[in-house]
Protein backbone atom coordinates (compact mmCIF):
# COMPACT_ATOMS: atom_id res chain seq x y z
CA MET A 1 -19.76 -20.77 -14.66
CA PRO A 2 -20.85 -21.05 -11.00
CA THR A 3 -23.69 -18.83 -9.80
CA LEU A 4 -24.88 -17.26 -6.57
CA PRO A 5 -28.15 -18.56 -5.07
CA ASN A 6 -29.99 -15.73 -6.86
CA GLY A 7 -28.59 -16.86 -10.23
CA ILE A 8 -25.95 -14.14 -10.68
CA PRO A 9 -22.90 -15.67 -12.39
CA ILE A 10 -19.61 -15.75 -10.50
CA PRO A 11 -16.66 -15.32 -12.86
CA GLU A 12 -13.79 -17.72 -12.33
CA VAL A 13 -10.72 -15.63 -11.59
CA PRO A 14 -7.28 -17.19 -11.10
CA LEU A 15 -5.66 -16.69 -7.70
CA SER A 16 -2.24 -15.13 -7.32
CA PHE A 17 -0.25 -16.59 -4.41
CA VAL A 18 2.97 -14.93 -3.21
CA PRO A 19 4.87 -16.98 -0.60
CA VAL A 20 6.41 -15.19 2.37
CA LYS A 21 9.89 -14.73 0.86
CA ALA A 22 8.82 -14.30 -2.78
CA GLY A 23 8.25 -11.17 -4.83
CA GLU A 24 10.61 -8.65 -6.37
CA VAL A 25 12.77 -6.94 -3.72
CA LEU A 26 14.01 -3.38 -4.19
CA HIS A 27 16.44 -1.55 -1.92
CA LEU A 28 15.68 2.17 -1.74
CA GLY A 29 18.35 3.69 0.49
CA PRO A 30 17.62 2.32 3.99
CA LEU A 31 14.21 0.98 2.88
CA THR A 32 13.45 -2.53 1.64
CA CYS A 33 10.44 -2.83 -0.65
CA ARG A 34 8.97 -6.21 -1.61
CA ILE A 35 6.54 -6.07 -4.53
CA MET A 36 3.87 -8.71 -3.98
CA GLU A 37 1.45 -7.58 -6.71
CA ASP A 38 2.39 -5.07 -9.38
CA GLY A 39 -1.05 -5.02 -10.96
CA SER A 40 -0.19 -7.45 -13.74
CA ASN A 41 -2.44 -10.16 -12.22
CA THR A 42 -5.35 -7.84 -11.40
CA ASP A 43 -5.79 -5.83 -14.60
CA ASN A 44 -4.07 -2.99 -12.67
CA ARG A 45 -6.93 -2.81 -10.15
CA ILE A 46 -4.65 -3.36 -7.16
CA GLY A 47 -0.98 -3.39 -6.31
CA VAL A 48 0.60 -4.51 -3.04
CA ALA A 49 4.04 -3.84 -1.61
CA GLU A 50 5.62 -4.46 1.77
CA LEU A 51 7.88 -1.61 2.87
CA ILE A 52 10.35 -2.25 5.69
CA MET A 53 11.72 0.89 7.32
CA PRO A 54 14.50 0.73 9.93
CA PRO A 55 13.82 2.56 13.23
CA LYS A 56 14.28 6.35 13.11
CA THR A 57 13.83 6.38 9.32
CA PRO A 58 11.72 9.35 8.17
CA GLY A 59 8.26 8.34 6.96
CA PRO A 60 7.24 8.16 3.32
CA PRO A 61 8.49 11.18 1.34
CA PRO A 62 5.88 13.64 0.06
CA HIS A 63 4.54 12.33 -3.23
CA TRP A 64 1.38 12.00 -5.27
CA HIS A 65 -0.03 9.45 -7.71
CA GLU A 66 -2.22 10.60 -10.58
CA MET A 67 -3.70 7.22 -11.46
CA HIS A 68 -4.15 5.39 -8.16
CA ASP A 69 -4.62 5.75 -4.43
CA GLU A 70 -2.25 4.42 -1.82
CA THR A 71 -2.93 2.79 1.54
CA PHE A 72 -0.68 1.90 4.44
CA PHE A 73 -1.24 -0.79 7.08
CA ILE A 74 1.26 -0.48 9.92
CA THR A 75 2.36 -3.95 11.09
CA GLN A 76 5.07 -2.91 13.54
CA GLY A 77 6.32 0.30 15.12
CA THR A 78 5.18 3.84 14.31
CA VAL A 79 5.28 5.65 10.96
CA ARG A 80 5.00 9.45 10.79
CA PHE A 81 2.94 10.89 7.95
CA HIS A 82 2.94 14.59 6.99
CA VAL A 83 -0.54 15.24 5.59
CA PRO A 84 -1.04 18.42 3.51
CA GLU A 85 -4.15 20.55 3.91
CA PRO A 86 -6.39 20.15 0.82
CA GLY A 87 -6.51 23.30 -1.28
CA ASN A 88 -3.79 25.01 0.77
CA PRO A 89 -0.41 23.66 -0.38
CA GLY A 90 1.60 26.23 1.60
CA ALA A 91 -0.09 25.53 4.92
CA ASP A 92 1.54 23.65 7.75
CA LYS A 93 1.00 19.95 7.36
CA LYS A 94 -0.87 17.87 9.89
CA ILE A 95 1.30 15.18 11.47
CA VAL A 96 -0.17 11.72 11.97
CA ASP A 97 1.81 9.12 13.91
CA ALA A 98 0.35 5.79 12.77
CA LYS A 99 1.04 2.91 15.16
CA THR A 100 0.92 -0.88 14.89
CA GLY A 101 -2.50 -1.90 13.59
CA ASP A 102 -3.39 1.55 12.21
CA TYR A 103 -4.51 1.94 8.60
CA MET A 104 -3.93 5.07 6.52
CA VAL A 105 -5.57 5.97 3.18
C-alpha cells in the first residue's frame, strides 16, 4: 500500500468514470435526470445526478431526505429555491435565486 511522506497509508480505491453521455437517464415530467453515481461505488458516501430543467420550470419541489444532504451547483441559468425557516414550518419561505456558478447546500 502506498504511503504519505509521514508514513500514513493511502488506501487504493478504484475510480469510477462516467463519460459525458453515460449514466442512467430518468425523465421526470419536463425534467431530465442523469444519475452519474448512485452510491453503489462509494459505499453510499456520495451520489451525483445532473438535473436539466427547461426554462420557466419551477425549481426543485419541497422535499426532505432523512439519510443524506443534497447540494446543487448551477451550471446554466437561474434556479429558484424556496427555503423554509428552521423551526417555523408555517412561516413564509425565503426565496433564493441561484445563478450560474452558484452553489446551494
